[in-house]
Protein backbone atom coordinates (compact mmCIF):
# COMPACT_ATOMS: atom_id res chain seq x y z
CA UNK A 1 -41.92 32.67 22.17
CA UNK A 2 -45.06 33.95 23.95
CA UNK A 3 -48.76 32.89 25.40
CA UNK A 4 -51.61 34.60 26.06
CA UNK A 5 -50.62 34.91 29.73
CA UNK A 6 -48.29 37.84 28.50
CA UNK A 7 -45.96 36.49 31.36
CA UNK A 8 -45.38 33.38 29.94
CA UNK A 9 -42.59 32.02 27.45
CA UNK A 10 -42.10 29.12 26.06
CA UNK A 11 -38.34 28.66 23.87
CA UNK A 12 -36.13 25.60 22.85
CA UNK A 13 -32.84 24.73 25.45
CA UNK A 14 -29.81 23.94 24.10
CA UNK A 15 -30.52 20.45 24.85
CA UNK A 16 -33.67 20.12 23.30
CA UNK A 17 -36.06 20.53 26.10
CA UNK A 18 -38.92 22.62 25.73
CA UNK A 19 -38.94 25.28 28.65
CA UNK A 20 -41.92 27.58 30.02
CA UNK A 21 -41.13 30.68 31.85
CA UNK A 22 -43.39 32.97 34.22
CA UNK A 23 -46.68 32.53 36.36
CA UNK A 24 -48.89 29.89 34.64
CA UNK A 25 -53.02 30.77 35.15
CA UNK A 26 -53.90 28.66 32.22
CA UNK A 27 -54.43 25.61 31.48
CA UNK A 28 -52.17 25.21 28.44
CA UNK A 29 -50.55 28.00 25.93
CA UNK A 30 -51.33 29.65 23.07
CA UNK A 31 -48.93 29.90 19.68
CA UNK A 32 -49.67 31.19 15.88
CA UNK A 33 -48.17 29.60 13.56
CA UNK A 34 -45.59 32.12 12.71
CA UNK A 35 -44.33 31.34 16.92
CA UNK A 36 -44.63 27.88 16.12
CA UNK A 37 -42.04 27.91 13.14
CA UNK A 38 -40.07 30.08 14.86
CA UNK A 39 -39.87 27.80 17.52
CA UNK A 40 -38.55 24.75 15.68
CA UNK A 41 -36.68 26.93 12.35
CA UNK A 42 -38.57 26.45 9.86
CA UNK A 43 -40.64 27.63 7.18
CA UNK A 44 -44.41 28.09 8.10
CA UNK A 45 -45.64 26.41 5.42
CA UNK A 46 -44.29 23.77 7.05
CA UNK A 47 -46.07 23.93 10.17
CA UNK A 48 -49.61 24.63 8.07
CA UNK A 49 -48.54 21.06 6.88
CA UNK A 50 -48.04 19.32 9.72
CA UNK A 51 -51.03 20.63 11.54
CA UNK A 52 -53.33 20.28 9.06
CA UNK A 53 -52.39 16.60 9.10
CA UNK A 54 -52.12 16.50 12.68
CA UNK A 55 -56.13 17.10 12.67
CA UNK A 56 -56.57 14.51 9.46
CA UNK A 57 -55.23 11.35 10.97
CA UNK A 58 -57.31 12.66 14.20
CA UNK A 59 -53.97 12.69 16.15
CA UNK A 60 -55.52 15.91 18.18
CA UNK A 61 -58.70 17.15 18.52
CA UNK A 62 -59.31 20.21 16.66
CA UNK A 63 -62.35 21.56 18.12
CA UNK A 64 -60.65 21.81 21.00
CA UNK A 65 -56.75 22.90 20.19
CA UNK A 66 -57.77 25.72 18.09
CA UNK A 67 -58.96 29.57 18.98
CA UNK A 68 -58.83 32.49 17.24
CA UNK A 69 -56.85 35.46 19.33
CA UNK A 70 -57.24 38.83 17.93
CA UNK A 71 -53.98 40.74 17.97
CA UNK A 72 -52.67 44.23 18.09
CA UNK A 73 -52.52 46.19 15.28
CA UNK A 74 -54.75 43.92 12.89
CA UNK A 75 -58.06 44.05 12.85
CA UNK A 76 -58.38 40.40 11.90
CA UNK A 77 -57.83 37.07 14.58
CA UNK A 78 -55.03 34.64 14.22
CA UNK A 79 -55.35 30.98 14.50
CA UNK A 80 -53.68 30.25 17.77
CA UNK A 81 -52.71 26.33 18.69
CA UNK A 82 -52.71 24.39 21.67
CA UNK A 83 -49.50 23.33 23.03
CA UNK A 84 -50.22 19.44 22.45
CA UNK A 85 -50.57 21.38 18.95
CA UNK A 86 -47.16 22.44 19.26
CA UNK A 87 -45.38 19.39 20.52
CA UNK A 88 -46.75 17.44 17.97
CA UNK A 89 -45.69 20.05 15.27
CA UNK A 90 -42.43 19.04 17.21
CA UNK A 91 -42.48 15.70 16.75
CA UNK A 92 -43.27 15.58 13.28
CA UNK A 93 -40.81 18.51 11.58
CA UNK A 94 -37.18 17.39 10.65
CA UNK A 95 -35.17 20.46 11.48
CA UNK A 96 -32.19 21.04 13.53
CA UNK A 97 -33.57 21.96 16.84
CA UNK A 98 -37.00 19.88 16.29
CA UNK A 99 -34.33 16.53 15.52
CA UNK A 100 -32.29 18.21 19.09
CA UNK A 101 -36.00 18.23 20.85
CA UNK A 102 -37.13 14.14 19.64
CA UNK A 103 -33.61 13.16 21.17
CA UNK A 104 -34.39 15.41 24.12
CA UNK A 105 -37.88 14.02 24.57
CA UNK A 106 -36.27 10.24 24.05
CA UNK A 107 -33.24 10.38 26.06
CA UNK A 108 -35.84 11.34 29.38
CA UNK A 109 -37.58 8.99 28.63
CA UNK A 110 -35.42 6.23 28.28
CA UNK A 111 -33.37 7.53 31.61
CA UNK A 112 -37.02 7.19 33.23
CA UNK A 113 -36.44 3.40 31.66
CA UNK A 114 -33.93 2.53 32.95
CA UNK A 115 -32.81 4.91 36.57
CA UNK A 116 -36.82 3.89 37.61
CA UNK A 117 -39.09 6.92 38.90
CA UNK A 118 -39.22 10.20 40.89
CA UNK A 119 -42.38 10.20 41.52
CA UNK A 120 -44.48 12.90 44.33
CA UNK A 121 -47.16 10.19 45.79
CA UNK A 122 -47.84 13.12 47.43
CA UNK A 123 -49.13 15.61 44.40
CA UNK A 124 -50.48 12.45 42.38
CA UNK A 125 -53.30 11.27 45.29
CA UNK A 126 -54.23 15.08 45.47
CA UNK A 127 -54.45 15.32 41.61
CA UNK A 128 -54.82 11.83 40.53
CA UNK A 129 -57.38 12.60 37.96
CA UNK A 130 -54.47 15.64 35.75
CA UNK A 131 -51.92 12.84 36.86
CA UNK A 132 -54.02 10.58 34.25
CA UNK A 133 -55.07 13.19 31.74
CA UNK A 134 -51.67 14.59 31.91
CA UNK A 135 -50.03 10.72 31.22
CA UNK A 136 -52.55 10.14 28.12
CA UNK A 137 -51.76 13.77 26.33
CA UNK A 138 -48.10 12.32 26.37
CA UNK A 139 -48.82 9.01 24.81
CA UNK A 140 -51.31 10.79 22.62
CA UNK A 141 -48.68 13.05 21.14
CA UNK A 142 -46.12 10.09 20.99
CA UNK A 143 -45.11 8.84 17.38
CA UNK A 144 -45.68 5.28 16.28
CA UNK A 145 -42.29 5.82 14.26
CA UNK A 146 -39.85 6.09 17.04
CA UNK A 147 -36.94 3.34 17.26
CA UNK A 148 -37.28 3.22 20.86
CA UNK A 149 -40.42 2.58 22.11
CA UNK A 150 -41.79 5.66 24.69
CA UNK A 151 -45.15 4.58 24.17
CA UNK A 152 -44.92 1.08 25.90
CA UNK A 153 -43.44 2.40 29.01
CA UNK A 154 -46.12 5.46 29.11
CA UNK A 155 -48.37 2.26 28.81
CA UNK A 156 -46.65 0.84 31.81
CA UNK A 157 -46.42 4.28 33.93
CA UNK A 158 -50.91 4.05 33.11
CA UNK A 159 -51.28 0.39 33.92
CA UNK A 160 -49.63 1.24 37.39
CA UNK A 161 -50.48 4.43 37.75
CA UNK A 162 -53.26 3.12 40.43
CA UNK A 163 -50.69 1.77 42.58
CA UNK A 164 -48.43 4.82 42.66
CA UNK A 165 -49.72 5.39 46.69
CA UNK A 166 -48.93 1.69 47.74
CA UNK A 167 -45.65 1.92 46.22
CA UNK A 168 -45.09 4.04 49.33
CA UNK A 169 -45.84 1.16 51.41
CA UNK A 170 -43.10 -0.79 49.11
CA UNK A 171 -40.53 1.86 49.53
CA UNK A 172 -41.24 1.55 53.88
CA UNK A 173 -41.28 -2.77 53.10
CA UNK A 174 -45.05 -2.59 54.38
CA UNK A 175 -46.84 -3.40 51.58
CA UNK A 176 -49.57 -6.33 52.15
CA UNK A 177 -51.23 -8.65 49.83
CA UNK A 178 -54.73 -7.94 48.38
CA UNK A 179 -56.81 -10.67 48.70
CA UNK A 180 -60.38 -10.14 46.90
CA UNK A 181 -61.15 -13.90 45.09
CA UNK A 182 -61.27 -16.83 46.74
CA UNK A 183 -62.00 -19.67 45.08
CA UNK A 184 -61.38 -23.21 45.72
CA UNK A 185 -58.39 -24.45 43.09
CA UNK A 186 -57.85 -28.06 42.32
CA UNK A 187 -54.29 -28.07 39.71
CA UNK A 188 -51.75 -30.45 39.24
CA UNK A 189 -47.92 -30.22 37.95
CA UNK A 190 -49.36 -32.44 34.59
CA UNK A 191 -51.77 -30.10 33.89
CA UNK A 192 -49.78 -27.08 33.75
CA UNK A 193 -46.57 -28.80 31.84
CA UNK A 194 -49.47 -29.99 29.51
CA UNK A 195 -50.15 -26.36 28.97
CA UNK A 196 -46.95 -25.51 29.01
CA UNK A 197 -45.71 -28.54 26.19
CA UNK A 198 -48.21 -27.06 24.01
CA UNK A 199 -46.81 -23.41 24.14
CA UNK A 200 -43.21 -25.06 23.52
CA UNK A 201 -44.83 -26.99 20.46
CA UNK A 202 -45.84 -23.21 19.13
CA UNK A 203 -42.50 -22.04 19.65
CA UNK A 204 -40.66 -24.64 18.05
CA UNK A 205 -42.91 -24.47 15.11
CA UNK A 206 -41.88 -20.54 14.64
CA UNK A 207 -38.48 -21.02 15.72
CA UNK A 208 -39.20 -19.07 18.65
CA UNK A 209 -36.98 -21.86 21.04
CA UNK A 210 -35.09 -24.69 20.75
CA UNK A 211 -35.80 -28.48 22.21
CA UNK A 212 -34.35 -27.34 25.77
CA UNK A 213 -37.16 -25.40 26.42
CA UNK A 214 -38.88 -26.28 29.02
CA UNK A 215 -37.28 -29.21 30.21
CA UNK A 216 -37.47 -29.98 33.88
CA UNK A 217 -34.50 -29.86 35.31
CA UNK A 218 -35.01 -33.08 38.26
CA UNK A 219 -38.15 -34.58 37.21
CA UNK A 220 -41.47 -33.30 39.78
CA UNK A 221 -40.03 -29.71 40.26
CA UNK A 222 -42.97 -28.20 38.67
CA UNK A 223 -45.46 -30.28 41.22
CA UNK A 224 -43.40 -28.66 44.16
CA UNK A 225 -44.08 -25.32 42.56
CA UNK A 226 -47.70 -26.04 42.24
CA UNK A 227 -47.87 -27.89 45.35
CA UNK A 228 -46.04 -24.97 46.85
CA UNK A 229 -48.89 -22.19 45.73
CA UNK A 230 -51.19 -24.42 46.89
CA UNK A 231 -49.88 -25.21 50.26
CA UNK A 232 -51.91 -25.40 53.27
CA UNK A 233 -51.68 -24.85 57.24
CA UNK A 234 -53.89 -25.86 59.96
CA UNK A 235 -56.64 -27.04 57.21
CA UNK A 236 -56.60 -23.21 56.00
CA UNK A 237 -54.91 -22.33 52.19
CA UNK A 238 -51.71 -20.84 53.23
CA UNK A 239 -51.93 -18.62 49.86
CA UNK A 240 -56.14 -17.73 50.29
CA UNK A 241 -57.07 -15.83 47.65
CA UNK A 242 -56.66 -16.65 43.27
CA UNK A 243 -54.35 -13.38 43.11
CA UNK A 244 -52.06 -14.91 45.59
CA UNK A 245 -51.66 -18.14 43.95
CA UNK A 246 -51.37 -16.12 40.46
CA UNK A 247 -48.34 -14.47 42.12
CA UNK A 248 -46.95 -16.97 44.21
CA UNK A 249 -47.28 -19.01 40.95
CA UNK A 250 -45.30 -16.81 38.50
CA UNK A 251 -42.52 -16.00 41.88
CA UNK A 252 -42.14 -19.91 42.12
CA UNK A 253 -41.65 -20.38 38.46
CA UNK A 254 -39.45 -17.34 37.77
CA UNK A 255 -37.45 -18.11 40.80
CA UNK A 256 -36.87 -21.07 41.44
CA UNK A 257 -35.77 -22.38 37.49
CA UNK A 258 -37.27 -25.38 37.30
CA UNK A 259 -36.33 -25.73 33.79
CA UNK A 260 -32.87 -25.67 32.30
CA UNK A 261 -33.98 -22.74 29.84
CA UNK A 262 -36.85 -20.35 29.20
CA UNK A 263 -37.64 -20.21 32.49
CA UNK A 264 -39.44 -16.17 32.43
CA UNK A 265 -40.85 -17.07 29.65
CA UNK A 266 -42.77 -20.59 30.84
CA UNK A 267 -43.01 -18.21 34.14
CA UNK A 268 -45.14 -15.45 32.46
CA UNK A 269 -47.40 -18.01 30.27
CA UNK A 270 -47.79 -20.20 33.57
CA UNK A 271 -49.27 -16.92 35.26
CA UNK A 272 -51.79 -15.81 32.75
CA UNK A 273 -53.13 -18.94 32.07
CA UNK A 274 -53.70 -19.73 35.81
CA UNK A 275 -55.81 -16.32 35.75
CA UNK A 276 -57.58 -17.66 32.21
CA UNK A 277 -57.83 -20.43 33.47
CA UNK A 278 -59.72 -20.03 36.73
CA UNK A 279 -61.87 -16.94 35.02
CA UNK A 280 -60.23 -14.47 37.12
CA UNK A 281 -61.41 -10.92 35.32
CA UNK A 282 -58.11 -9.51 36.52
CA UNK A 283 -56.18 -10.96 33.71
CA UNK A 284 -57.37 -8.47 31.46
CA UNK A 285 -55.25 -5.62 33.04
CA UNK A 286 -52.32 -7.60 32.22
CA UNK A 287 -51.07 -6.73 28.79
CA UNK A 288 -47.44 -7.88 27.15
CA UNK A 289 -45.26 -4.68 28.28
CA UNK A 290 -46.71 -5.00 32.14
CA UNK A 291 -46.33 -9.10 31.51
CA UNK A 292 -42.55 -8.36 30.58
CA UNK A 293 -41.57 -5.67 32.51
CA UNK A 294 -42.84 -8.06 36.01
CA UNK A 295 -41.22 -10.97 34.75
CA UNK A 296 -37.97 -9.00 34.27
CA UNK A 297 -38.40 -7.87 37.74
CA UNK A 298 -39.64 -10.64 39.93
CA UNK A 299 -36.46 -12.30 38.07
CA UNK A 300 -33.72 -9.57 39.31
CA UNK A 301 -35.43 -9.05 42.63
CA UNK A 302 -33.86 -10.12 46.03
CA UNK A 303 -35.12 -13.63 47.03
CA UNK A 304 -35.29 -11.63 50.70
CA UNK A 305 -38.10 -9.61 49.07
CA UNK A 306 -39.92 -12.91 47.73
CA UNK A 307 -42.98 -11.30 49.96
CA UNK A 308 -43.05 -7.57 48.62
CA UNK A 309 -42.95 -8.75 44.50
CA UNK A 310 -45.91 -11.18 45.52
CA UNK A 311 -48.00 -8.33 46.97
CA UNK A 312 -47.19 -6.49 44.77
CA UNK A 313 -48.55 -8.25 41.76
CA UNK A 314 -51.47 -8.89 44.11
CA UNK A 315 -52.30 -5.21 44.05
CA UNK A 316 -52.01 -4.87 39.53
CA UNK A 317 -54.48 -7.33 39.75
CA UNK A 318 -56.71 -6.11 42.22
């Protein structure tokens, strides 16, 4: 399939990937309904139906994704559709070719989730706006009904997008915590335990936990964690900012295993509870996907990397 630029060709590889060849002089490529039908191996009427539904559902804006083009040997302009529309049709079509395409997309995103990310940080730094738009465009195309949840993965990518450059420092183990909000905080283990018992009652009522949840291994475990979070030296807090205190609370709750069961859930709850209790505006940046990833990331981390883990959390809260 050829785009407006005659040097650009689009086709689907055997593994399902849509590949491009040629020199790109435009921000997108354009294809007619006939070309899209040929790409995914379906009748043109099928493409027409999917395109109409894409615009009807407002999945993609029609105004910026359709244009009339004149073609050779025809006195009538032909409607051409952008790459966003082409991919949108691929997600909705049930042909063998389109199914292979979706398998490839899911497999690719899953590999990134399980194996990590390969990021050219220098290019992102120079093209940050384009990077964010690309993430948004891909996210808009992903269908809600896909069994594997790639949209959640892209939410996480976007959530961390403004820290990609800082991750270079993380790789080099030079990442430093960001201290932005300094508050005088008075907190006891009893307060946190009371909040956790409310969580336990709620989970028990929903049959999402057992009586073992949030039972201290030893009396005073939670008070000890609060003491570590609020510790001072020479009259100054060891963790002076609200963000640093929150990060260490999450870390200690997860890594110190104060309970016989539910340490990760209790730690995640305590982290958000603490941010909200002290009215940290940044708690709105923590969505469920991000909180889950952070908690698991800490749980699997090397204890020797504690400072890096907590510094990374403060980056997210900046």
